[in-house]
Amino acid sequence: MTTPRHLASLALSLAMGAAPALSQAATSDFYGGSFGSLTDKSFTTYSTTVNGVGLTIQAVSAAATPMVTVRWDGIGMSSGLLEAGELNSQLSGSGDALLLTFSQAVVIDSLDLSGWDVGLLGSAIDKGSITSKGTTYALSQGQSGFLSPITTFSLGQIPASQTFMLSAEGSLSSFRLAGLNVTAVPEASSLAMMALGLAGIGCLRRRQVA
C-alpha cells in the first residue's frame, strides 16, 4: 500500500534528483605548470570537461590543417610548423579562432586570456570576440591585476548556448585561452522532473492540511 509518507519521499527524491543540474558553476583553468608542458602539443581536437560538462575545442582558420595547441600558458592554435601557437589576428581577413562545443547548453560567466596586452592607460592593443548564435560580442576592456599574466572578461550578458567561437581580431592581437567559468543550463527533462517533484510535495501538504 502506498502511504502519504511514501509519496512524500518519492516527490522529494524527484525534486532533489533534478536540483544538481539546475546550476553548476565551475572554473576550468588552462594555465600553469600542472596543465600543460613547456612546449606546444598539437591536437586535431582537444577534449576536456568542465564540472562534468564535456567540452571539445577545434581550431578554425583559413589554413588547410589548423591544429589546437596546448601549452602551460593556455590553449591556442597553429596552422604551420613556423607559426606561433597563439590565437593571432591577420592583417586582412579573419583571424585565428577556437570553436568551443559543450555537451549541453552553458552560460560562459567569464573567460581568462593569457598574453593579452592591456596597453597603456587601459587601452588594449589586443582585440578579440566571442560569437554565439550568430551574434558577435567584442572583448575590449578586461580585468587584470597588477603585473598579472591573466586578463578576465565578464560575459554573463551572452545567452546560453552549446557552441561559442573565440576569435582574434584587429591587426596586432595574440593571446591564448587560459580559463573558463561556466554555468550549466538545466535540460528540459531535469526541469520537468523537478516540477513534478515539487508539485507532488505541494499536493501532499494540501492533503495533510485538509
Protein backbone atom coordinates (compact mmCIF):
# COMPACT_ATOMS: atom_id res chain seq x y z
CA MET A 1 0.00 0.00 0.00
CA THR A 2 1.30 3.43 -0.92
CA THR A 3 1.12 5.76 2.05
CA PRO A 4 1.38 9.58 2.12
CA ARG A 5 4.82 9.15 3.66
CA HIS A 6 5.95 7.05 0.70
CA LEU A 7 4.57 9.59 -1.75
CA ALA A 8 6.30 12.43 0.08
CA SER A 9 9.59 10.54 -0.05
CA LEU A 10 9.19 9.90 -3.79
CA ALA A 11 8.33 13.54 -4.54
CA LEU A 12 11.29 14.79 -2.52
CA SER A 13 13.62 12.36 -4.32
CA LEU A 14 12.42 13.63 -7.71
CA ALA A 15 12.98 17.26 -6.73
CA MET A 16 16.40 16.62 -5.18
CA GLY A 17 17.48 14.44 -8.10
CA ALA A 18 16.90 17.28 -10.56
CA ALA A 19 18.40 20.02 -8.39
CA PRO A 20 22.12 19.44 -9.16
CA ALA A 21 21.51 20.03 -12.89
CA LEU A 22 19.98 23.44 -12.34
CA SER A 23 23.09 25.50 -11.75
CA GLN A 24 26.56 24.03 -11.95
CA ALA A 25 29.15 26.79 -11.92
CA ALA A 26 32.81 25.91 -12.33
CA THR A 27 36.11 27.35 -13.43
CA SER A 28 38.27 25.35 -15.83
CA ASP A 29 41.87 26.51 -15.57
CA PHE A 30 44.05 26.09 -18.66
CA TYR A 31 47.04 27.92 -17.16
CA GLY A 32 50.01 26.79 -15.10
CA GLY A 33 52.60 24.04 -14.93
CA SER A 34 50.07 21.42 -13.85
CA PHE A 35 48.04 21.98 -17.03
CA GLY A 36 50.46 21.65 -19.91
CA SER A 37 54.09 21.19 -20.90
CA LEU A 38 56.68 23.86 -21.68
CA THR A 39 56.28 23.34 -25.41
CA ASP A 40 53.15 23.15 -27.51
CA LYS A 41 51.39 19.86 -28.12
CA SER A 42 49.10 19.79 -31.15
CA PHE A 43 45.67 18.19 -31.45
CA THR A 44 43.11 17.96 -34.23
CA THR A 45 40.50 18.39 -31.49
CA TYR A 46 41.09 18.84 -27.78
CA SER A 47 38.55 17.41 -25.33
CA THR A 48 38.14 18.08 -21.61
CA THR A 49 35.36 18.51 -19.04
CA VAL A 50 34.17 21.48 -17.02
CA ASN A 51 32.40 20.28 -13.87
CA GLY A 52 31.02 17.25 -15.65
CA VAL A 53 30.09 19.13 -18.83
CA GLY A 54 32.03 17.89 -21.83
CA LEU A 55 33.99 20.45 -23.87
CA THR A 56 35.52 19.92 -27.32
CA ILE A 57 37.82 22.56 -28.80
CA GLN A 58 38.60 22.83 -32.52
CA ALA A 59 40.88 25.23 -34.38
CA VAL A 60 39.33 27.43 -37.07
CA SER A 61 41.49 29.12 -39.67
CA ALA A 62 41.78 29.78 -43.39
CA ALA A 63 44.73 27.40 -43.34
CA ALA A 64 44.20 23.88 -44.64
CA THR A 65 45.07 21.99 -41.45
CA PRO A 66 44.80 24.17 -38.33
CA MET A 67 45.67 22.42 -35.08
CA VAL A 68 44.74 23.15 -31.47
CA THR A 69 47.90 23.87 -29.46
CA VAL A 70 48.16 23.21 -25.72
CA ARG A 71 50.92 24.58 -23.53
CA TRP A 72 51.40 25.56 -19.89
CA ASP A 73 50.13 29.10 -20.57
CA GLY A 74 46.87 28.14 -22.29
CA ILE A 75 45.20 26.90 -25.45
CA GLY A 76 45.80 28.39 -28.87
CA MET A 77 46.15 27.19 -32.44
CA SER A 78 48.70 26.82 -35.20
CA SER A 79 48.44 26.33 -38.95
CA GLY A 80 52.08 25.51 -39.66
CA LEU A 81 55.44 24.50 -38.21
CA LEU A 82 56.76 28.05 -38.17
CA GLU A 83 53.66 29.69 -36.70
CA ALA A 84 53.41 30.54 -33.02
CA GLY A 85 50.73 28.66 -31.09
CA GLU A 86 48.69 31.69 -30.04
CA LEU A 87 45.43 32.95 -31.48
CA ASN A 88 46.71 35.57 -33.91
CA SER A 89 44.88 38.21 -35.88
CA GLN A 90 45.56 38.81 -39.57
CA LEU A 91 46.34 41.99 -41.46
CA SER A 92 43.40 41.15 -43.70
CA GLY A 93 40.61 38.64 -43.41
CA SER A 94 39.55 36.57 -40.44
CA GLY A 95 41.97 35.86 -37.62
CA ASP A 96 42.57 32.60 -35.79
CA ALA A 97 39.69 31.19 -33.77
CA LEU A 98 38.73 28.37 -31.41
CA LEU A 99 35.34 26.69 -31.67
CA LEU A 100 34.14 25.67 -28.18
CA THR A 101 31.45 22.97 -28.21
CA PHE A 102 29.88 21.88 -24.90
CA SER A 103 27.90 18.67 -24.36
CA GLN A 104 24.96 20.77 -23.10
CA ALA A 105 23.97 24.42 -23.10
CA VAL A 106 26.01 26.63 -20.76
CA VAL A 107 26.39 30.27 -19.87
CA ILE A 108 30.00 31.46 -20.00
CA ASP A 109 30.14 33.72 -16.96
CA SER A 110 33.72 34.76 -17.68
CA LEU A 111 36.82 33.69 -19.56
CA ASP A 112 40.53 34.19 -18.93
CA LEU A 113 43.07 35.05 -21.61
CA SER A 114 46.85 34.88 -21.25
CA GLY A 115 49.22 37.09 -23.22
CA TRP A 116 46.55 39.78 -23.59
CA ASP A 117 48.24 43.18 -23.92
CA VAL A 118 46.20 45.72 -21.97
CA GLY A 119 48.24 48.58 -23.44
CA LEU A 120 48.88 51.98 -21.89
CA LEU A 121 46.13 53.61 -19.83
CA GLY A 122 43.95 50.52 -20.21
CA SER A 123 43.57 50.89 -23.98
CA ALA A 124 44.03 47.28 -25.08
CA ILE A 125 46.29 46.51 -28.01
CA ASP A 126 44.89 43.03 -28.35
CA LYS A 127 41.35 42.62 -29.61
CA GLY A 128 39.06 39.60 -29.68
CA SER A 129 35.46 38.49 -29.84
CA ILE A 130 33.03 35.76 -28.81
CA THR A 131 30.34 34.66 -31.29
CA SER A 132 27.24 32.80 -30.14
CA LYS A 133 24.01 32.07 -32.04
CA GLY A 134 25.01 34.41 -34.86
CA THR A 135 25.79 37.39 -32.62
CA THR A 136 29.35 38.62 -32.05
CA TYR A 137 30.39 40.26 -28.78
CA ALA A 138 33.61 42.27 -28.64
CA LEU A 139 36.23 41.61 -25.97
CA SER A 140 37.56 45.04 -25.17
CA GLN A 141 38.14 46.03 -21.56
CA GLY A 142 39.04 43.08 -19.32
CA GLN A 143 40.11 42.99 -15.70
CA SER A 144 43.74 42.35 -14.90
CA GLY A 145 45.62 42.64 -11.62
CA PHE A 146 48.96 44.44 -11.31
CA LEU A 147 51.53 42.51 -13.35
CA SER A 148 49.06 39.63 -13.69
CA PRO A 149 49.60 37.40 -16.74
CA ILE A 150 45.85 36.71 -16.89
CA THR A 151 43.09 39.05 -18.12
CA THR A 152 39.49 38.17 -17.20
CA PHE A 153 36.42 39.13 -19.21
CA SER A 154 32.89 39.01 -17.77
CA LEU A 155 30.47 37.50 -20.28
CA GLY A 156 27.25 37.00 -18.34
CA GLN A 157 25.31 39.02 -20.94
CA ILE A 158 25.87 36.37 -23.64
CA PRO A 159 22.90 33.96 -23.94
CA ALA A 160 23.30 30.29 -23.12
CA SER A 161 24.44 28.05 -25.96
CA GLN A 162 26.31 24.84 -26.72
CA THR A 163 28.77 26.45 -29.14
CA PHE A 164 30.91 29.58 -28.92
CA MET A 165 33.61 30.96 -31.22
CA LEU A 166 36.60 32.76 -29.64
CA SER A 167 38.38 34.83 -32.30
CA ALA A 168 41.40 37.12 -32.58
CA GLU A 169 40.50 40.48 -34.11
CA GLY A 170 42.35 43.60 -35.23
CA SER A 171 45.85 43.53 -36.68
CA LEU A 172 48.23 43.01 -33.74
CA SER A 173 46.40 40.55 -31.50
CA SER A 174 47.98 37.45 -29.99
CA PHE A 175 46.69 35.54 -26.96
CA ARG A 176 45.62 32.16 -25.55
CA LEU A 177 42.56 30.81 -23.77
CA ALA A 178 43.61 30.39 -20.13
CA GLY A 179 40.36 29.54 -18.36
CA LEU A 180 36.57 29.35 -18.44
CA ASN A 181 33.92 29.95 -15.78
CA VAL A 182 30.65 28.36 -16.91
CA THR A 183 27.20 27.59 -15.53
CA ALA A 184 25.36 24.60 -16.93
CA VAL A 185 21.79 25.26 -18.05
CA PRO A 186 19.23 22.63 -16.93
CA GLU A 187 17.91 20.32 -19.60
CA ALA A 188 14.17 20.15 -20.22
CA SER A 189 13.92 16.66 -18.68
CA SER A 190 15.55 17.86 -15.47
CA LEU A 191 13.18 20.80 -15.21
CA ALA A 192 10.17 18.55 -15.78
CA MET A 193 11.36 16.11 -13.12
CA MET A 194 11.87 18.86 -10.56
CA ALA A 195 8.49 20.43 -11.37
CA LEU A 196 6.82 17.03 -10.89
CA GLY A 197 8.55 16.54 -7.55
CA LEU A 198 7.64 19.99 -6.27
CA ALA A 199 4.04 19.56 -7.43
CA GLY A 200 3.83 16.27 -5.56
CA ILE A 201 5.13 17.85 -2.37
CA GLY A 202 2.55 20.66 -2.72
CA CYS A 203 -0.32 18.18 -3.16
CA LEU A 204 0.70 16.20 -0.09
CA ARG A 205 0.93 19.32 2.04
CA ARG A 206 -2.57 20.38 1.00
CA ARG A 207 -3.88 16.88 1.80
CA GLN A 208 -2.31 17.00 5.26
CA VAL A 209 -3.82 20.42 5.97
CA ALA A 210 -7.26 19.19 4.85
